[in-house]
C-alpha atoms as a PDB file:
ATOM      1  CA  MET A   1      13.010 -59.801  46.449  1.00  0.00           C
ATOM      2  CA  THR A   2      12.993 -61.382  49.869  1.00  0.00           C
ATOM      3  CA  VAL A   3      14.246 -64.913  49.993  1.00  0.00           C
ATOM      4  CA  LYS A   4      12.330 -67.323  52.139  1.00  0.00           C
ATOM      5  CA  LEU A   5      14.446 -69.935  53.858  1.00  0.00           C
ATOM      6  CA  VAL A   6      12.774 -73.316  54.003  1.00  0.00           C
ATOM      7  CA  ASN A   7      12.750 -75.259  57.238  1.00  0.00           C
ATOM      8  CA  PHE A   8      12.216 -78.900  56.278  1.00  0.00           C
ATOM      9  CA  GLU A   9      10.111 -81.017  58.625  1.00  0.00           C
ATOM     10  CA  THR A  10      11.559 -84.241  57.187  1.00  0.00           C
ATOM     11  CA  LYS A  11      15.178 -83.224  57.826  1.00  0.00           C
ATOM     12  CA  THR A  12      17.307 -85.995  59.338  1.00  0.00           C
ATOM     13  CA  GLU A  13      21.047 -86.281  59.932  1.00  0.00           C
ATOM     14  CA  ASN A  14      22.945 -87.934  57.110  1.00  0.00           C
ATOM     15  CA  PRO A  15      24.611 -91.138  58.373  1.00  0.00           C
ATOM     16  CA  GLN A  16      27.809 -90.571  56.336  1.00  0.00           C
ATOM     17  CA  PHE A  17      28.519 -86.872  56.803  1.00  0.00           C
ATOM     18  CA  ASP A  18      28.548 -84.829  60.012  1.00  0.00           C
ATOM     19  CA  GLY A  19      26.463 -81.682  59.783  1.00  0.00           C
ATOM     20  CA  VAL A  20      24.688 -82.777  56.585  1.00  0.00           C
ATOM     21  CA  TYR A  21      20.916 -83.060  56.663  1.00  0.00           C
ATOM     22  CA  ASP A  22      18.812 -85.185  54.343  1.00  0.00           C
ATOM     23  CA  ILE A  23      15.299 -84.172  53.341  1.00  0.00           C
ATOM     24  CA  ALA A  24      12.464 -86.161  51.765  1.00  0.00           C
ATOM     25  CA  PRO A  25      11.790 -85.803  48.017  1.00  0.00           C
ATOM     26  CA  ALA A  26       8.032 -85.418  48.587  1.00  0.00           C
ATOM     27  CA  GLU A  27       8.593 -82.444  50.889  1.00  0.00           C
ATOM     28  CA  LEU A  28      11.051 -80.891  48.428  1.00  0.00           C
ATOM     29  CA  GLN A  29       8.480 -81.225  45.663  1.00  0.00           C
ATOM     30  CA  GLN A  30       6.062 -79.062  47.694  1.00  0.00           C
ATOM     31  CA  VAL A  31       8.546 -76.162  47.918  1.00  0.00           C
ATOM     32  CA  LEU A  32      10.257 -76.271  44.498  1.00  0.00           C
ATOM     33  CA  SER A  33       9.766 -72.552  43.888  1.00  0.00           C
ATOM     34  CA  ASP A  34      11.332 -71.628  47.255  1.00  0.00           C
ATOM     35  CA  VAL A  35      14.624 -73.519  46.843  1.00  0.00           C
ATOM     36  CA  LYS A  36      17.536 -73.737  44.461  1.00  0.00           C
ATOM     37  CA  MET A  37      18.089 -77.328  43.388  1.00  0.00           C
ATOM     38  CA  ILE A  38      21.486 -78.394  42.134  1.00  0.00           C
ATOM     39  CA  ASP A  39      21.844 -81.760  40.410  1.00  0.00           C
ATOM     40  CA  VAL A  40      25.436 -82.998  40.810  1.00  0.00           C
ATOM     41  CA  ARG A  41      25.250 -85.952  38.406  1.00  0.00           C
ATOM     42  CA  GLN A  42      26.955 -86.113  35.012  1.00  0.00           C
ATOM     43  CA  PRO A  43      25.246 -84.390  32.039  1.00  0.00           C
ATOM     44  CA  GLU A  44      24.172 -87.681  30.449  1.00  0.00           C
ATOM     45  CA  GLU A  45      22.504 -88.754  33.716  1.00  0.00           C
ATOM     46  CA  TYR A  46      20.711 -85.398  34.032  1.00  0.00           C
ATOM     47  CA  VAL A  47      18.896 -85.993  30.731  1.00  0.00           C
ATOM     48  CA  GLY A  48      18.934 -89.787  31.001  1.00  0.00           C
ATOM     49  CA  GLU A  49      16.302 -92.317  32.003  1.00  0.00           C
ATOM     50  CA  LEU A  50      15.759 -90.930  35.524  1.00  0.00           C
ATOM     51  CA  GLY A  51      15.505 -87.352  34.265  1.00  0.00           C
ATOM     52  CA  HIS A  52      15.834 -84.505  36.758  1.00  0.00           C
ATOM     53  CA  ALA A  53      13.614 -82.603  39.165  1.00  0.00           C
ATOM     54  CA  PRO A  54      11.829 -79.711  37.403  1.00  0.00           C
ATOM     55  CA  GLY A  55      13.950 -76.597  37.738  1.00  0.00           C
ATOM     56  CA  ALA A  56      17.077 -78.387  38.982  1.00  0.00           C
ATOM     57  CA  GLU A  57      20.298 -76.894  37.661  1.00  0.00           C
ATOM     58  CA  LEU A  58      23.111 -79.189  36.531  1.00  0.00           C
ATOM     59  CA  MET A  59      26.451 -78.698  38.301  1.00  0.00           C
ATOM     60  CA  SER A  60      28.438 -81.953  38.188  1.00  0.00           C
ATOM     61  CA  LEU A  61      30.157 -82.911  41.443  1.00  0.00           C
ATOM     62  CA  ASP A  62      33.602 -82.785  39.800  1.00  0.00           C
ATOM     63  CA  THR A  63      33.032 -79.170  38.698  1.00  0.00           C
ATOM     64  CA  LEU A  64      31.514 -77.995  41.992  1.00  0.00           C
ATOM     65  CA  PRO A  65      34.720 -76.381  43.356  1.00  0.00           C
ATOM     66  CA  ASP A  66      34.892 -74.210  40.196  1.00  0.00           C
ATOM     67  CA  HIS A  67      31.274 -73.082  40.516  1.00  0.00           C
ATOM     68  CA  LEU A  68      30.836 -72.608  44.275  1.00  0.00           C
ATOM     69  CA  GLU A  69      30.482 -68.838  43.910  1.00  0.00           C
ATOM     70  CA  GLU A  70      27.382 -69.423  41.725  1.00  0.00           C
ATOM     71  CA  ILE A  71      25.547 -71.055  44.635  1.00  0.00           C
ATOM     72  CA  PRO A  72      23.481 -68.526  46.604  1.00  0.00           C
ATOM     73  CA  LYS A  73      24.252 -68.239  50.315  1.00  0.00           C
ATOM     74  CA  ASP A  74      21.005 -66.439  51.129  1.00  0.00           C
ATOM     75  CA  GLN A  75      18.686 -69.121  49.766  1.00  0.00           C
ATOM     76  CA  THR A  76      17.872 -72.721  50.660  1.00  0.00           C
ATOM     77  CA  VAL A  77      19.871 -75.036  48.380  1.00  0.00           C
ATOM     78  CA  VAL A  78      19.138 -78.738  47.875  1.00  0.00           C
ATOM     79  CA  PHE A  79      21.668 -81.029  46.207  1.00  0.00           C
ATOM     80  CA  ILE A  80      20.377 -83.978  44.179  1.00  0.00           C
ATOM     81  CA  CYS A  81      22.036 -86.997  42.545  1.00  0.00           C
ATOM     82  CA  ARG A  82      21.087 -90.535  41.528  1.00  0.00           C
ATOM     83  CA  SER A  83      20.899 -92.161  44.984  1.00  0.00           C
ATOM     84  CA  GLY A  84      21.845 -89.465  47.498  1.00  0.00           C
ATOM     85  CA  ALA A  85      25.552 -90.262  47.928  1.00  0.00           C
ATOM     86  CA  ARG A  86      27.183 -87.706  45.602  1.00  0.00           C
ATOM     87  CA  SER A  87      24.705 -85.028  46.656  1.00  0.00           C
ATOM     88  CA  ALA A  88      25.579 -85.704  50.316  1.00  0.00           C
ATOM     89  CA  GLN A  89      29.245 -85.138  49.398  1.00  0.00           C
ATOM     90  CA  ALA A  90      28.292 -81.901  47.634  1.00  0.00           C
ATOM     91  CA  THR A  91      26.290 -80.759  50.671  1.00  0.00           C
ATOM     92  CA  ALA A  92      29.230 -81.511  52.988  1.00  0.00           C
ATOM     93  CA  TYR A  93      31.591 -79.626  50.669  1.00  0.00           C
ATOM     94  CA  ALA A  94      29.324 -76.568  50.541  1.00  0.00           C
ATOM     95  CA  ARG A  95      29.012 -76.594  54.351  1.00  0.00           C
ATOM     96  CA  MET A  96      32.797 -76.789  54.756  1.00  0.00           C
ATOM     97  CA  ASN A  97      33.046 -73.715  52.538  1.00  0.00           C
ATOM     98  CA  GLY A  98      30.634 -71.605  54.556  1.00  0.00           C
ATOM     99  CA  TRP A  99      27.169 -72.394  53.196  1.00  0.00           C
ATOM    100  CA  THR A 100      24.583 -72.953  55.914  1.00  0.00           C
ATOM    101  CA  HIS A 101      21.205 -73.496  54.204  1.00  0.00           C
ATOM    102  CA  VAL A 102      22.212 -76.562  52.192  1.00  0.00           C
ATOM    103  CA  TYR A 103      20.492 -79.948  52.200  1.00  0.00           C
ATOM    104  CA  ASN A 104      20.784 -83.346  50.560  1.00  0.00           C
ATOM    105  CA  MET A 105      17.757 -84.957  48.914  1.00  0.00           C
ATOM    106  CA  ARG A 106      17.438 -88.423  50.447  1.00  0.00           C
ATOM    107  CA  GLY A 107      17.305 -91.298  47.968  1.00  0.00           C
ATOM    108  CA  GLY A 108      18.182 -89.159  44.951  1.00  0.00           C
ATOM    109  CA  MET A 109      16.382 -89.401  41.632  1.00  0.00           C
ATOM    110  CA  LEU A 110      15.842 -93.135  42.186  1.00  0.00           C
ATOM    111  CA  LEU A 111      13.508 -92.393  45.089  1.00  0.00           C
ATOM    112  CA  TRP A 112      12.043 -89.315  43.320  1.00  0.00           C
ATOM    113  CA  ASN A 113      11.045 -91.569  40.398  1.00  0.00           C
ATOM    114  CA  ASN A 114       9.749 -94.329  42.697  1.00  0.00           C
ATOM    115  CA  LEU A 115       7.447 -91.750  44.293  1.00  0.00           C
ATOM    116  CA  LEU A 116       6.230 -90.826  40.791  1.00  0.00           C
ATOM    117  CA  LEU A 117       7.175 -87.174  41.267  1.00  0.00           C
ATOM    118  CA  PRO A 118       7.405 -85.079  38.072  1.00  0.00           C
ATOM    119  CA  VAL A 119      10.620 -85.213  36.029  1.00  0.00           C
ATOM    120  CA  GLU A 120      12.098 -83.320  33.119  1.00  0.00           C
ATOM    121  CA  ARG A 121      14.493 -84.859  30.602  1.00  0.00           C
END
């Protein structure tokens, strides 16, 4: 299987973290099958009122260091949280540990829901 790396047109530099790029939820939604999405919220948030992006895998921010080896290095990875802050931290952490194709979803699930994009609970 050849992995297609996604080059996001909406990518912008994250204001809090050097080397972290934010991407727009609407663009992410168009390429769901080409990326690995990792939701870094707590389990109760993942299934809570905001739900999660279809296909997003739960990997809470506090457990990320224990699960880094589960994150593919040869695929585009997008981190997601409630507002975009924890996922930006996760993206920065992955970059510091050698991942290159990692992005933060701008606005988190709050923005995803505001845009009326599909959610699972």
